[in-house]
Amino acid sequence: MSKRKYSKYEKARIVGARALQISMGAPIIIEIPKNVMDPLRIALVEFENGAIPMTVKKRSRTK
């Protein structure tokens, strides 16, 4: 994932989708501390490190 600025809605969607994947048994992409067990916290760490393999397609606004 590139280091671009996401809106708070895009971030929530990406992290939420990744947390759901993790809770359903998807492999964790990066090394996390042993005390972190919550899928949402794991997804946030992945997001902050740019490791989530998701993209956001934005529609262009044309008038």
PDB file of N, CA and C in Angstrom:
ATOM      1  N   MET A   1       0.843  -1.161   0.000  1.00  0.00           N
ATOM      2  CA  MET A   1       0.000   0.000   0.000  1.00  0.00           C
ATOM      3  C   MET A   1       0.890   1.226   0.000  1.00  0.00           C
ATOM      4  N   SER A   2       0.585   2.162  -0.833  1.00  0.00           N
ATOM      5  CA  SER A   2       1.414   3.354  -0.922  1.00  0.00           C
ATOM      6  C   SER A   2       1.166   4.269   0.274  1.00  0.00           C
ATOM      7  N   LYS A   3       2.099   5.145   0.506  1.00  0.00           N
ATOM      8  CA  LYS A   3       1.995   6.094   1.624  1.00  0.00           C
ATOM      9  C   LYS A   3       1.207   7.312   1.180  1.00  0.00           C
ATOM     10  N   ARG A   4      -0.073   7.145   0.979  1.00  0.00           N
ATOM     11  CA  ARG A   4      -0.908   8.275   0.601  1.00  0.00           C
ATOM     12  C   ARG A   4      -1.859   8.598   1.728  1.00  0.00           C
ATOM     13  N   LYS A   5      -2.467   9.729   1.663  1.00  0.00           N
ATOM     14  CA  LYS A   5      -3.385  10.186   2.698  1.00  0.00           C
ATOM     15  C   LYS A   5      -4.777   9.647   2.408  1.00  0.00           C
ATOM     16  N   TYR A   6      -5.301   8.888   3.338  1.00  0.00           N
ATOM     17  CA  TYR A   6      -6.656   8.366   3.220  1.00  0.00           C
ATOM     18  C   TYR A   6      -7.587   9.174   4.107  1.00  0.00           C
ATOM     19  N   SER A   7      -8.834   9.285   3.701  1.00  0.00           N
ATOM     20  CA  SER A   7      -9.816   9.941   4.563  1.00  0.00           C
ATOM     21  C   SER A   7     -10.110   9.014   5.742  1.00  0.00           C
ATOM     22  N   LYS A   8     -10.726   9.556   6.770  1.00  0.00           N
ATOM     23  CA  LYS A   8     -11.032   8.724   7.934  1.00  0.00           C
ATOM     24  C   LYS A   8     -12.013   7.614   7.568  1.00  0.00           C
ATOM     25  N   TYR A   9     -12.838   7.825   6.565  1.00  0.00           N
ATOM     26  CA  TYR A   9     -13.798   6.811   6.133  1.00  0.00           C
ATOM     27  C   TYR A   9     -13.097   5.688   5.376  1.00  0.00           C
ATOM     28  N   GLU A  10     -12.133   6.052   4.547  1.00  0.00           N
ATOM     29  CA  GLU A  10     -11.358   5.043   3.815  1.00  0.00           C
ATOM     30  C   GLU A  10     -10.526   4.212   4.788  1.00  0.00           C
ATOM     31  N   LYS A  11      -9.912   4.884   5.756  1.00  0.00           N
ATOM     32  CA  LYS A  11      -9.110   4.180   6.753  1.00  0.00           C
ATOM     33  C   LYS A  11      -9.981   3.209   7.544  1.00  0.00           C
ATOM     34  N   ALA A  12     -11.143   3.659   7.967  1.00  0.00           N
ATOM     35  CA  ALA A  12     -12.050   2.794   8.734  1.00  0.00           C
ATOM     36  C   ALA A  12     -12.470   1.582   7.913  1.00  0.00           C
ATOM     37  N   ARG A  13     -12.745   1.774   6.643  1.00  0.00           N
ATOM     38  CA  ARG A  13     -13.161   0.675   5.775  1.00  0.00           C
ATOM     39  C   ARG A  13     -12.034  -0.325   5.564  1.00  0.00           C
ATOM     40  N   ILE A  14     -10.829   0.171   5.314  1.00  0.00           N
ATOM     41  CA  ILE A  14      -9.679  -0.695   5.075  1.00  0.00           C
ATOM     42  C   ILE A  14      -9.330  -1.487   6.336  1.00  0.00           C
ATOM     43  N   VAL A  15      -9.224  -0.798   7.465  1.00  0.00           N
ATOM     44  CA  VAL A  15      -8.843  -1.455   8.716  1.00  0.00           C
ATOM     45  C   VAL A  15      -9.938  -2.429   9.155  1.00  0.00           C
ATOM     46  N   GLY A  16     -11.193  -2.032   9.012  1.00  0.00           N
ATOM     47  CA  GLY A  16     -12.292  -2.917   9.391  1.00  0.00           C
ATOM     48  C   GLY A  16     -12.337  -4.180   8.554  1.00  0.00           C
ATOM     49  N   ALA A  17     -12.129  -4.037   7.253  1.00  0.00           N
ATOM     50  CA  ALA A  17     -12.127  -5.203   6.365  1.00  0.00           C
ATOM     51  C   ALA A  17     -10.964  -6.122   6.701  1.00  0.00           C
ATOM     52  N   ARG A  18      -9.794  -5.552   6.962  1.00  0.00           N
ATOM     53  CA  ARG A  18      -8.625  -6.360   7.297  1.00  0.00           C
ATOM     54  C   ARG A  18      -8.810  -7.049   8.645  1.00  0.00           C
ATOM     55  N   ALA A  19      -9.408  -6.360   9.631  1.00  0.00           N
ATOM     56  CA  ALA A  19      -9.656  -6.960  10.944  1.00  0.00           C
ATOM     57  C   ALA A  19     -10.611  -8.151  10.806  1.00  0.00           C
ATOM     58  N   LEU A  20     -11.602  -8.031   9.951  1.00  0.00           N
ATOM     59  CA  LEU A  20     -12.519  -9.144   9.711  1.00  0.00           C
ATOM     60  C   LEU A  20     -11.775 -10.326   9.100  1.00  0.00           C
ATOM     61  N   GLN A  21     -10.901 -10.055   8.140  1.00  0.00           N
ATOM     62  CA  GLN A  21     -10.103 -11.121   7.532  1.00  0.00           C
ATOM     63  C   GLN A  21      -9.253 -11.832   8.579  1.00  0.00           C
ATOM     64  N   ILE A  22      -8.612 -11.062   9.439  1.00  0.00           N
ATOM     65  CA  ILE A  22      -7.755 -11.638  10.476  1.00  0.00           C
ATOM     66  C   ILE A  22      -8.581 -12.479  11.438  1.00  0.00           C
ATOM     67  N   SER A  23      -9.750 -11.975  11.828  1.00  0.00           N
ATOM     68  CA  SER A  23     -10.591 -12.723  12.769  1.00  0.00           C
ATOM     69  C   SER A  23     -11.119 -14.017  12.157  1.00  0.00           C
ATOM     70  N   MET A  24     -11.173 -14.077  10.821  1.00  0.00           N
ATOM     71  CA  MET A  24     -11.631 -15.289  10.141  1.00  0.00           C
ATOM     72  C   MET A  24     -10.476 -16.233   9.803  1.00  0.00           C
ATOM     73  N   GLY A  25      -9.261 -15.897  10.236  1.00  0.00           N
ATOM     74  CA  GLY A  25      -8.140 -16.805  10.080  1.00  0.00           C
ATOM     75  C   GLY A  25      -7.118 -16.440   9.023  1.00  0.00           C
ATOM     76  N   ALA A  26      -7.205 -15.258   8.436  1.00  0.00           N
ATOM     77  CA  ALA A  26      -6.223 -14.843   7.434  1.00  0.00           C
ATOM     78  C   ALA A  26      -4.859 -14.683   8.089  1.00  0.00           C
ATOM     79  N   PRO A  27      -3.783 -14.956   7.356  1.00  0.00           N
ATOM     80  CA  PRO A  27      -2.447 -14.815   7.955  1.00  0.00           C
ATOM     81  C   PRO A  27      -2.114 -13.345   8.225  1.00  0.00           C
ATOM     82  N   ILE A  28      -1.356 -13.137   9.284  1.00  0.00           N
ATOM     83  CA  ILE A  28      -0.920 -11.797   9.649  1.00  0.00           C
ATOM     84  C   ILE A  28       0.345 -11.495   8.850  1.00  0.00           C
ATOM     85  N   ILE A  29       0.384 -10.343   8.214  1.00  0.00           N
ATOM     86  CA  ILE A  29       1.426 -10.012   7.258  1.00  0.00           C
ATOM     87  C   ILE A  29       2.741  -9.593   7.914  1.00  0.00           C
ATOM     88  N   ILE A  30       2.667  -8.907   9.042  1.00  0.00           N
ATOM     89  CA  ILE A  30       3.884  -8.389   9.676  1.00  0.00           C
ATOM     90  C   ILE A  30       4.052  -8.992  11.065  1.00  0.00           C
ATOM     91  N   GLU A  31       5.235  -8.804  11.622  1.00  0.00           N
ATOM     92  CA  GLU A  31       5.489  -9.239  12.993  1.00  0.00           C
ATOM     93  C   GLU A  31       4.793  -8.273  13.950  1.00  0.00           C
ATOM     94  N   ILE A  32       4.085  -8.840  14.917  1.00  0.00           N
ATOM     95  CA  ILE A  32       3.408  -8.019  15.916  1.00  0.00           C
ATOM     96  C   ILE A  32       3.887  -8.440  17.296  1.00  0.00           C
ATOM     97  N   PRO A  33       3.764  -7.564  18.290  1.00  0.00           N
ATOM     98  CA  PRO A  33       4.125  -7.960  19.659  1.00  0.00           C
ATOM     99  C   PRO A  33       3.247  -9.115  20.142  1.00  0.00           C
ATOM    100  N   LYS A  34       3.786  -9.942  20.986  1.00  0.00           N
ATOM    101  CA  LYS A  34       3.069 -11.121  21.481  1.00  0.00           C
ATOM    102  C   LYS A  34       1.829 -10.766  22.289  1.00  0.00           C
ATOM    103  N   ASN A  35       1.812  -9.587  22.912  1.00  0.00           N
ATOM    104  CA  ASN A  35       0.677  -9.212  23.747  1.00  0.00           C
ATOM    105  C   ASN A  35      -0.501  -8.654  22.946  1.00  0.00           C
ATOM    106  N   VAL A  36      -0.347  -8.433  21.651  1.00  0.00           N
ATOM    107  CA  VAL A  36      -1.434  -7.912  20.821  1.00  0.00           C
ATOM    108  C   VAL A  36      -2.219  -9.096  20.260  1.00  0.00           C
ATOM    109  N   MET A  37      -3.470  -9.233  20.686  1.00  0.00           N
ATOM    110  CA  MET A  37      -4.299 -10.357  20.257  1.00  0.00           C
ATOM    111  C   MET A  37      -5.559  -9.907  19.516  1.00  0.00           C
ATOM    112  N   ASP A  38      -5.923  -8.646  19.659  1.00  0.00           N
ATOM    113  CA  ASP A  38      -7.150  -8.123  19.068  1.00  0.00           C
ATOM    114  C   ASP A  38      -6.982  -7.922  17.566  1.00  0.00           C
ATOM    115  N   PRO A  39      -7.866  -8.501  16.727  1.00  0.00           N
ATOM    116  CA  PRO A  39      -7.738  -8.341  15.275  1.00  0.00           C
ATOM    117  C   PRO A  39      -7.755  -6.881  14.821  1.00  0.00           C
ATOM    118  N   LEU A  40      -8.516  -6.040  15.508  1.00  0.00           N
ATOM    119  CA  LEU A  40      -8.565  -4.635  15.132  1.00  0.00           C
ATOM    120  C   LEU A  40      -7.221  -3.952  15.382  1.00  0.00           C
ATOM    121  N   ARG A  41      -6.596  -4.223  16.500  1.00  0.00           N
ATOM    122  CA  ARG A  41      -5.279  -3.642  16.796  1.00  0.00           C
ATOM    123  C   ARG A  41      -4.227  -4.161  15.821  1.00  0.00           C
ATOM    124  N   ILE A  42      -4.301  -5.441  15.472  1.00  0.00           N
ATOM    125  CA  ILE A  42      -3.362  -6.009  14.505  1.00  0.00           C
ATOM    126  C   ILE A  42      -3.537  -5.311  13.160  1.00  0.00           C
ATOM    127  N   ALA A  43      -4.792  -5.121  12.739  1.00  0.00           N
ATOM    128  CA  ALA A  43      -5.068  -4.447  11.468  1.00  0.00           C
ATOM    129  C   ALA A  43      -4.563  -3.005  11.489  1.00  0.00           C
ATOM    130  N   LEU A  44      -4.697  -2.319  12.614  1.00  0.00           N
ATOM    131  CA  LEU A  44      -4.187  -0.949  12.727  1.00  0.00           C
ATOM    132  C   LEU A  44      -2.669  -0.909  12.596  1.00  0.00           C
ATOM    133  N   VAL A  45      -1.986  -1.870  13.217  1.00  0.00           N
ATOM    134  CA  VAL A  45      -0.525  -1.924  13.112  1.00  0.00           C
ATOM    135  C   VAL A  45      -0.131  -2.175  11.657  1.00  0.00           C
ATOM    136  N   GLU A  46      -0.823  -3.085  10.995  1.00  0.00           N
ATOM    137  CA  GLU A  46      -0.543  -3.344   9.587  1.00  0.00           C
ATOM    138  C   GLU A  46      -0.787  -2.100   8.738  1.00  0.00           C
ATOM    139  N   PHE A  47      -1.871  -1.399   9.010  1.00  0.00           N
ATOM    140  CA  PHE A  47      -2.191  -0.185   8.257  1.00  0.00           C
ATOM    141  C   PHE A  47      -1.115   0.881   8.452  1.00  0.00           C
ATOM    142  N   GLU A  48      -0.703   1.088   9.691  1.00  0.00           N
ATOM    143  CA  GLU A  48       0.301   2.107   9.979  1.00  0.00           C
ATOM    144  C   GLU A  48       1.651   1.781   9.339  1.00  0.00           C
ATOM    145  N   ASN A  49       1.917   0.497   9.125  1.00  0.00           N
ATOM    146  CA  ASN A  49       3.169   0.081   8.497  1.00  0.00           C
ATOM    147  C   ASN A  49       3.037  -0.073   6.986  1.00  0.00           C
ATOM    148  N   GLY A  50       1.867   0.222   6.442  1.00  0.00           N
ATOM    149  CA  GLY A  50       1.660   0.155   4.999  1.00  0.00           C
ATOM    150  C   GLY A  50       1.683  -1.256   4.451  1.00  0.00           C
ATOM    151  N   ALA A  51       1.261  -2.227   5.255  1.00  0.00           N
ATOM    152  CA  ALA A  51       1.365  -3.630   4.859  1.00  0.00           C
ATOM    153  C   ALA A  51       0.045  -4.240   4.404  1.00  0.00           C
ATOM    154  N   ILE A  52      -1.040  -3.513   4.460  1.00  0.00           N
ATOM    155  CA  ILE A  52      -2.332  -4.084   4.072  1.00  0.00           C
ATOM    156  C   ILE A  52      -2.447  -4.076   2.546  1.00  0.00           C
ATOM    157  N   PRO A  53      -2.666  -5.244   1.954  1.00  0.00           N
ATOM    158  CA  PRO A  53      -2.720  -5.323   0.487  1.00  0.00           C
ATOM    159  C   PRO A  53      -4.096  -4.962  -0.078  1.00  0.00           C
ATOM    160  N   MET A  54      -4.539  -3.759   0.192  1.00  0.00           N
ATOM    161  CA  MET A  54      -5.829  -3.286  -0.311  1.00  0.00           C
ATOM    162  C   MET A  54      -5.635  -1.917  -0.942  1.00  0.00           C
ATOM    163  N   THR A  55      -6.465  -1.627  -1.907  1.00  0.00           N
ATOM    164  CA  THR A  55      -6.428  -0.310  -2.536  1.00  0.00           C
ATOM    165  C   THR A  55      -7.813   0.310  -2.478  1.00  0.00           C
ATOM    166  N   VAL A  56      -7.855   1.605  -2.661  1.00  0.00           N
ATOM    167  CA  VAL A  56      -9.118   2.342  -2.683  1.00  0.00           C
ATOM    168  C   VAL A  56      -9.261   2.959  -4.061  1.00  0.00           C
ATOM    169  N   LYS A  57     -10.343   2.624  -4.722  1.00  0.00           N
ATOM    170  CA  LYS A  57     -10.624   3.240  -6.015  1.00  0.00           C
ATOM    171  C   LYS A  57     -11.531   4.418  -5.784  1.00  0.00           C
ATOM    172  N   LYS A  58     -11.095   5.574  -6.245  1.00  0.00           N
ATOM    173  CA  LYS A  58     -11.907   6.778  -6.099  1.00  0.00           C
ATOM    174  C   LYS A  58     -12.514   7.127  -7.446  1.00  0.00           C
ATOM    175  N   ARG A  59     -13.770   7.467  -7.381  1.00  0.00           N
ATOM    176  CA  ARG A  59     -14.414   7.931  -8.605  1.00  0.00           C
ATOM    177  C   ARG A  59     -14.094   9.393  -8.808  1.00  0.00           C
ATOM    178  N   SER A  60     -13.791   9.757 -10.021  1.00  0.00           N
ATOM    179  CA  SER A  60     -13.503  11.166 -10.294  1.00  0.00           C
ATOM    180  C   SER A  60     -14.809  11.908 -10.478  1.00  0.00           C
ATOM    181  N   ARG A  61     -14.840  13.077  -9.953  1.00  0.00           N
ATOM    182  CA  ARG A  61     -16.041  13.904 -10.066  1.00  0.00           C
ATOM    183  C   ARG A  61     -15.902  14.775 -11.304  1.00  0.00           C
ATOM    184  N   THR A  62     -16.792  14.602 -12.231  1.00  0.00           N
ATOM    185  CA  THR A  62     -16.791  15.432 -13.431  1.00  0.00           C
ATOM    186  C   THR A  62     -18.130  16.100 -13.561  1.00  0.00           C
ATOM    187  N   LYS A  63     -18.096  17.319 -13.995  1.00  0.00           N
ATOM    188  CA  LYS A  63     -19.355  18.068 -14.175  1.00  0.00           C
ATOM    189  C   LYS A  63     -19.599  18.308 -15.631  1.00  0.00           C
TER     190      LYS A  63
END
